[in-house]
N, C-alpha and C. Protein backbone atom coordinates (compact mmCIF):
# COMPACT_ATOMS: atom_id res chain seq x y z
N MET A 1 -25.07 -27.37 17.36
CA MET A 1 -26.39 -26.79 17.23
C MET A 1 -26.39 -25.81 16.05
N LYS A 2 -27.43 -25.86 15.25
CA LYS A 2 -27.58 -24.98 14.10
C LYS A 2 -28.02 -23.60 14.58
N THR A 3 -27.41 -22.55 14.02
CA THR A 3 -27.79 -21.19 14.34
C THR A 3 -28.50 -20.58 13.14
N ILE A 4 -29.75 -20.22 13.36
CA ILE A 4 -30.56 -19.61 12.31
C ILE A 4 -31.03 -18.26 12.82
N ARG A 5 -30.86 -17.23 11.97
CA ARG A 5 -31.23 -15.87 12.36
C ARG A 5 -32.31 -15.31 11.43
N TYR A 6 -33.29 -14.68 12.03
CA TYR A 6 -34.35 -13.97 11.31
C TYR A 6 -33.73 -12.88 10.45
N THR A 7 -34.24 -12.71 9.21
CA THR A 7 -33.76 -11.62 8.37
C THR A 7 -34.87 -10.64 7.98
N SER A 8 -36.07 -11.13 7.64
CA SER A 8 -37.15 -10.21 7.27
C SER A 8 -38.51 -10.89 7.37
N THR A 9 -39.52 -10.06 7.61
CA THR A 9 -40.89 -10.55 7.70
C THR A 9 -41.55 -10.49 6.33
N LEU A 10 -42.19 -11.59 5.93
CA LEU A 10 -42.92 -11.64 4.67
C LEU A 10 -44.42 -11.45 4.87
N PHE A 11 -44.94 -11.87 6.02
CA PHE A 11 -46.35 -11.69 6.33
C PHE A 11 -46.50 -11.44 7.83
N TYR A 12 -47.16 -10.34 8.16
CA TYR A 12 -47.30 -9.93 9.56
C TYR A 12 -48.78 -9.82 9.90
N TYR A 13 -49.18 -10.44 11.01
CA TYR A 13 -50.53 -10.30 11.56
C TYR A 13 -50.42 -10.57 13.05
N ASP A 14 -50.44 -9.53 13.86
CA ASP A 14 -50.22 -9.66 15.30
C ASP A 14 -48.87 -10.31 15.60
N GLY A 15 -47.90 -10.04 14.80
CA GLY A 15 -46.57 -10.61 14.92
C GLY A 15 -46.17 -11.27 13.61
N PRO A 16 -44.89 -11.54 13.42
CA PRO A 16 -44.44 -12.19 12.18
C PRO A 16 -45.05 -13.59 12.05
N GLN A 17 -45.78 -13.81 10.98
CA GLN A 17 -46.40 -15.11 10.72
C GLN A 17 -45.56 -15.94 9.75
N VAL A 18 -44.95 -15.26 8.78
CA VAL A 18 -44.07 -15.90 7.80
C VAL A 18 -42.86 -15.00 7.65
N PHE A 19 -41.66 -15.59 7.78
CA PHE A 19 -40.45 -14.79 7.69
C PHE A 19 -39.34 -15.55 7.00
N GLU A 20 -38.35 -14.78 6.54
CA GLU A 20 -37.12 -15.34 5.98
C GLU A 20 -36.07 -15.36 7.08
N ALA A 21 -35.17 -16.32 6.98
CA ALA A 21 -34.06 -16.43 7.92
C ALA A 21 -32.85 -16.98 7.17
N GLY A 22 -31.70 -16.92 7.81
CA GLY A 22 -30.48 -17.43 7.19
C GLY A 22 -29.56 -18.04 8.23
N ASP A 23 -28.59 -18.80 7.76
CA ASP A 23 -27.59 -19.36 8.66
C ASP A 23 -26.22 -18.79 8.34
N SER A 24 -25.23 -19.20 9.08
CA SER A 24 -23.89 -18.62 8.95
C SER A 24 -23.16 -19.00 7.67
N ILE A 25 -23.65 -19.99 6.94
CA ILE A 25 -22.98 -20.38 5.69
C ILE A 25 -23.80 -20.00 4.46
N GLY A 26 -24.79 -19.12 4.64
CA GLY A 26 -25.54 -18.61 3.50
C GLY A 26 -26.80 -19.39 3.15
N GLY A 27 -27.21 -20.32 3.99
CA GLY A 27 -28.44 -21.06 3.73
C GLY A 27 -29.66 -20.17 3.92
N HIS A 28 -30.71 -20.46 3.16
CA HIS A 28 -31.97 -19.71 3.22
C HIS A 28 -33.03 -20.56 3.89
N TYR A 29 -33.83 -19.92 4.73
CA TYR A 29 -34.88 -20.63 5.48
C TYR A 29 -36.16 -19.82 5.43
N ILE A 30 -37.27 -20.53 5.58
CA ILE A 30 -38.57 -19.90 5.74
C ILE A 30 -39.10 -20.33 7.10
N GLY A 31 -39.66 -19.38 7.83
CA GLY A 31 -40.26 -19.66 9.13
C GLY A 31 -41.74 -19.36 9.09
N VAL A 32 -42.54 -20.23 9.70
CA VAL A 32 -43.99 -20.07 9.71
C VAL A 32 -44.47 -20.29 11.14
N MET A 33 -45.23 -19.34 11.66
CA MET A 33 -45.74 -19.49 13.02
C MET A 33 -46.71 -20.66 13.07
N VAL A 34 -46.55 -21.48 14.13
CA VAL A 34 -47.47 -22.59 14.41
C VAL A 34 -47.95 -22.42 15.85
N GLU A 35 -48.62 -23.39 16.38
CA GLU A 35 -49.15 -23.28 17.75
C GLU A 35 -48.03 -22.95 18.73
N PRO A 36 -48.30 -22.05 19.70
CA PRO A 36 -47.27 -21.66 20.66
C PRO A 36 -46.86 -22.82 21.57
N GLU A 37 -45.70 -22.67 22.16
CA GLU A 37 -45.19 -23.63 23.15
C GLU A 37 -45.19 -22.90 24.49
N GLY A 38 -46.20 -23.16 25.30
CA GLY A 38 -46.35 -22.40 26.53
C GLY A 38 -46.66 -20.96 26.16
N GLU A 39 -45.84 -20.04 26.65
CA GLU A 39 -46.03 -18.63 26.33
C GLU A 39 -45.14 -18.16 25.18
N LEU A 40 -44.34 -19.06 24.63
CA LEU A 40 -43.42 -18.70 23.54
C LEU A 40 -44.04 -18.97 22.18
N ASP A 41 -43.84 -18.02 21.25
CA ASP A 41 -44.21 -18.28 19.87
C ASP A 41 -43.35 -19.43 19.37
N ARG A 42 -43.94 -20.25 18.52
CA ARG A 42 -43.22 -21.40 17.98
C ARG A 42 -43.33 -21.35 16.46
N PHE A 43 -42.26 -21.71 15.79
CA PHE A 43 -42.19 -21.60 14.34
C PHE A 43 -41.73 -22.91 13.71
N LEU A 44 -42.35 -23.25 12.60
CA LEU A 44 -41.86 -24.29 11.72
C LEU A 44 -40.80 -23.62 10.85
N VAL A 45 -39.59 -24.18 10.79
CA VAL A 45 -38.50 -23.60 10.02
C VAL A 45 -37.98 -24.66 9.06
N LYS A 46 -37.83 -24.26 7.80
CA LYS A 46 -37.40 -25.21 6.77
C LYS A 46 -36.42 -24.53 5.83
N GLY A 47 -35.33 -25.21 5.51
CA GLY A 47 -34.39 -24.71 4.53
C GLY A 47 -35.03 -24.73 3.15
N VAL A 48 -34.80 -23.68 2.37
CA VAL A 48 -35.37 -23.58 1.03
C VAL A 48 -34.31 -23.10 0.05
N ALA A 49 -34.46 -23.50 -1.19
CA ALA A 49 -33.56 -23.05 -2.24
C ALA A 49 -33.84 -21.58 -2.55
N PRO A 50 -32.80 -20.80 -2.83
CA PRO A 50 -33.00 -19.38 -3.14
C PRO A 50 -34.01 -19.15 -4.26
N GLU A 51 -33.96 -19.97 -5.31
CA GLU A 51 -34.89 -19.80 -6.43
C GLU A 51 -36.32 -20.08 -6.00
N ALA A 52 -36.54 -21.09 -5.16
CA ALA A 52 -37.89 -21.38 -4.66
C ALA A 52 -38.39 -20.24 -3.80
N LEU A 53 -37.52 -19.66 -2.98
CA LEU A 53 -37.90 -18.53 -2.15
C LEU A 53 -38.28 -17.33 -3.03
N ARG A 54 -37.52 -17.10 -4.08
CA ARG A 54 -37.84 -16.02 -5.01
C ARG A 54 -39.21 -16.24 -5.65
N ARG A 55 -39.49 -17.47 -6.05
CA ARG A 55 -40.79 -17.80 -6.66
C ARG A 55 -41.93 -17.58 -5.67
N PHE A 56 -41.72 -17.92 -4.41
CA PHE A 56 -42.74 -17.68 -3.39
C PHE A 56 -42.97 -16.19 -3.20
N ARG A 57 -41.89 -15.43 -3.07
CA ARG A 57 -42.03 -13.98 -2.88
C ARG A 57 -42.73 -13.32 -4.07
N SER A 58 -42.57 -13.90 -5.26
CA SER A 58 -43.20 -13.35 -6.46
C SER A 58 -44.64 -13.83 -6.65
N GLY A 59 -45.11 -14.72 -5.78
CA GLY A 59 -46.47 -15.23 -5.90
C GLY A 59 -46.64 -16.35 -6.91
N LEU A 60 -45.53 -16.96 -7.34
CA LEU A 60 -45.61 -18.03 -8.34
C LEU A 60 -45.86 -19.40 -7.72
N ILE A 61 -45.51 -19.59 -6.45
CA ILE A 61 -45.82 -20.83 -5.74
C ILE A 61 -46.38 -20.46 -4.37
N ASP A 62 -47.18 -21.36 -3.83
CA ASP A 62 -47.76 -21.09 -2.51
C ASP A 62 -46.83 -21.56 -1.40
N LEU A 63 -47.16 -21.17 -0.18
CA LEU A 63 -46.31 -21.47 0.98
C LEU A 63 -46.18 -22.97 1.21
N ARG A 64 -47.27 -23.70 1.08
CA ARG A 64 -47.23 -25.15 1.28
C ARG A 64 -46.27 -25.81 0.29
N THR A 65 -46.35 -25.41 -0.97
CA THR A 65 -45.46 -25.95 -2.00
C THR A 65 -44.01 -25.63 -1.69
N LEU A 66 -43.75 -24.41 -1.23
CA LEU A 66 -42.38 -24.02 -0.85
C LEU A 66 -41.86 -24.93 0.26
N LEU A 67 -42.68 -25.19 1.26
CA LEU A 67 -42.23 -25.98 2.41
C LEU A 67 -42.01 -27.45 2.08
N ILE A 68 -42.79 -28.02 1.20
CA ILE A 68 -42.63 -29.45 0.90
C ILE A 68 -41.87 -29.69 -0.40
N GLY A 69 -41.25 -28.63 -0.93
CA GLY A 69 -40.56 -28.71 -2.21
C GLY A 69 -39.42 -29.71 -2.27
N ASP A 70 -38.80 -30.01 -1.16
CA ASP A 70 -37.77 -31.05 -1.12
C ASP A 70 -37.88 -31.76 0.22
N ALA A 71 -37.15 -32.84 0.34
CA ALA A 71 -37.26 -33.67 1.55
C ALA A 71 -36.22 -33.32 2.60
N GLY A 72 -35.72 -32.10 2.59
CA GLY A 72 -34.67 -31.70 3.52
C GLY A 72 -35.14 -31.64 4.97
N ALA A 73 -34.19 -31.37 5.85
CA ALA A 73 -34.47 -31.29 7.29
C ALA A 73 -35.44 -30.14 7.58
N TRP A 74 -36.20 -30.33 8.65
CA TRP A 74 -37.09 -29.27 9.12
C TRP A 74 -36.97 -29.19 10.63
N TYR A 75 -37.36 -28.03 11.16
CA TYR A 75 -37.12 -27.72 12.56
C TYR A 75 -38.35 -27.07 13.18
N LEU A 76 -38.43 -27.17 14.50
CA LEU A 76 -39.33 -26.33 15.27
C LEU A 76 -38.44 -25.38 16.04
N ALA A 77 -38.83 -24.12 16.12
CA ALA A 77 -37.99 -23.11 16.72
C ALA A 77 -38.80 -22.18 17.62
N THR A 78 -38.12 -21.63 18.61
CA THR A 78 -38.68 -20.57 19.44
C THR A 78 -37.69 -19.43 19.45
N ALA A 79 -38.17 -18.27 19.88
CA ALA A 79 -37.32 -17.09 19.97
C ALA A 79 -37.52 -16.46 21.35
N PRO A 80 -37.00 -17.11 22.41
CA PRO A 80 -37.26 -16.62 23.76
C PRO A 80 -36.80 -15.18 24.02
N GLN A 81 -35.75 -14.74 23.34
CA GLN A 81 -35.26 -13.37 23.51
C GLN A 81 -35.72 -12.47 22.37
N GLY A 82 -36.64 -12.93 21.55
CA GLY A 82 -37.11 -12.15 20.41
C GLY A 82 -36.38 -12.54 19.14
N LEU A 83 -36.91 -12.08 18.01
CA LEU A 83 -36.34 -12.45 16.72
C LEU A 83 -35.02 -11.75 16.40
N ASP A 84 -34.59 -10.81 17.23
CA ASP A 84 -33.30 -10.18 16.98
C ASP A 84 -32.14 -11.03 17.50
N GLN A 85 -32.44 -12.13 18.17
CA GLN A 85 -31.44 -13.09 18.64
C GLN A 85 -31.59 -14.39 17.84
N PRO A 86 -30.57 -15.25 17.80
CA PRO A 86 -30.70 -16.51 17.06
C PRO A 86 -31.89 -17.33 17.56
N LEU A 87 -32.54 -18.01 16.62
CA LEU A 87 -33.64 -18.89 16.96
C LEU A 87 -33.11 -20.13 17.65
N GLU A 88 -33.84 -20.65 18.61
CA GLU A 88 -33.51 -21.93 19.23
C GLU A 88 -34.24 -23.00 18.44
N VAL A 89 -33.49 -23.76 17.64
CA VAL A 89 -34.09 -24.73 16.73
C VAL A 89 -33.87 -26.15 17.22
N THR A 90 -34.86 -26.99 16.97
CA THR A 90 -34.78 -28.41 17.29
C THR A 90 -35.13 -29.19 16.03
N ALA A 91 -34.19 -30.00 15.55
CA ALA A 91 -34.44 -30.82 14.36
C ALA A 91 -35.56 -31.79 14.64
N GLN A 92 -36.39 -32.01 13.62
CA GLN A 92 -37.54 -32.90 13.74
C GLN A 92 -37.33 -34.13 12.88
N GLY A 93 -37.83 -35.26 13.34
CA GLY A 93 -37.76 -36.49 12.56
C GLY A 93 -39.04 -36.65 11.77
N GLY A 94 -39.04 -37.58 10.88
CA GLY A 94 -40.23 -37.86 10.08
C GLY A 94 -40.39 -36.86 8.95
N HIS A 95 -41.44 -37.07 8.19
CA HIS A 95 -41.71 -36.23 7.03
C HIS A 95 -42.55 -35.03 7.43
N LEU A 96 -42.17 -33.86 6.96
CA LEU A 96 -42.91 -32.64 7.25
C LEU A 96 -44.36 -32.78 6.79
N ALA A 97 -44.59 -33.44 5.67
CA ALA A 97 -45.95 -33.60 5.15
C ALA A 97 -46.86 -34.35 6.12
N ASP A 98 -46.28 -35.17 7.00
CA ASP A 98 -47.06 -35.94 7.97
C ASP A 98 -47.19 -35.25 9.32
N SER A 99 -46.64 -34.05 9.48
CA SER A 99 -46.55 -33.39 10.78
C SER A 99 -47.85 -32.73 11.24
N GLY A 100 -48.73 -32.42 10.32
CA GLY A 100 -49.93 -31.68 10.67
C GLY A 100 -49.67 -30.19 10.84
N LEU A 101 -48.47 -29.72 10.53
CA LEU A 101 -48.11 -28.32 10.73
C LEU A 101 -48.11 -27.49 9.45
N LEU A 102 -48.33 -28.12 8.32
CA LEU A 102 -48.29 -27.38 7.06
C LEU A 102 -49.48 -26.43 6.93
N PRO A 103 -49.25 -25.28 6.31
CA PRO A 103 -50.36 -24.36 6.06
C PRO A 103 -51.29 -24.91 4.99
N ASP A 104 -52.49 -24.36 4.93
CA ASP A 104 -53.43 -24.74 3.89
C ASP A 104 -52.85 -24.38 2.53
N PRO A 105 -53.27 -25.08 1.48
CA PRO A 105 -52.83 -24.72 0.12
C PRO A 105 -53.29 -23.30 -0.24
N ASP A 106 -52.65 -22.73 -1.20
CA ASP A 106 -53.02 -21.45 -1.81
C ASP A 106 -52.72 -20.21 -0.99
N PHE A 107 -51.82 -20.30 0.00
CA PHE A 107 -51.36 -19.11 0.71
C PHE A 107 -50.29 -18.47 -0.16
N LEU A 108 -50.67 -17.42 -0.88
CA LEU A 108 -49.75 -16.72 -1.77
C LEU A 108 -49.52 -15.31 -1.26
N LEU A 109 -48.28 -14.87 -1.23
CA LEU A 109 -48.00 -13.49 -0.83
C LEU A 109 -48.66 -12.51 -1.79
N GLN A 110 -48.69 -12.83 -3.06
CA GLN A 110 -49.28 -11.96 -4.08
C GLN A 110 -50.74 -11.62 -3.73
N ASN A 111 -51.48 -12.59 -3.17
CA ASN A 111 -52.88 -12.37 -2.84
C ASN A 111 -53.07 -11.48 -1.62
N LEU A 112 -52.01 -11.27 -0.85
CA LEU A 112 -52.12 -10.52 0.40
C LEU A 112 -51.82 -9.04 0.22
N LEU A 113 -51.25 -8.68 -0.90
CA LEU A 113 -50.86 -7.27 -1.12
C LEU A 113 -52.01 -6.44 -1.59
C-alpha cells in the first residue's frame, strides 16, 4: 500500500481544498477535495512533477492542467484520523480526464491571493 502524507495547504475554504503531499521516496502529490464518502472528506490525489507543482504555485498553470499533465496513476483518498496521519489511498483505473472529478479550468492560486 502506498503511503502519502499531507505536507501543506495551498487553498483553504472550510477545510483544506487543495494541498501538497509527499511519499517516503520523495514523490510530490497534489490533493483536491471532491465529494465526501459518507462522513469522511474524500480527495483526488495525483503525483506531479516538482517543476509542474512550482508552476502551479506560481500561478503559471491552472489546477486542471497540473492534474492532467501526465498519464500517471491517480488515487482517491480519505483521512479518517485527520491530515496529520497518512492518507488512506486507493488506486483508480481508467483515465483521470474521464472521471468527472477534475476541477473547472482556470483555477489559479495567483487569482486567489
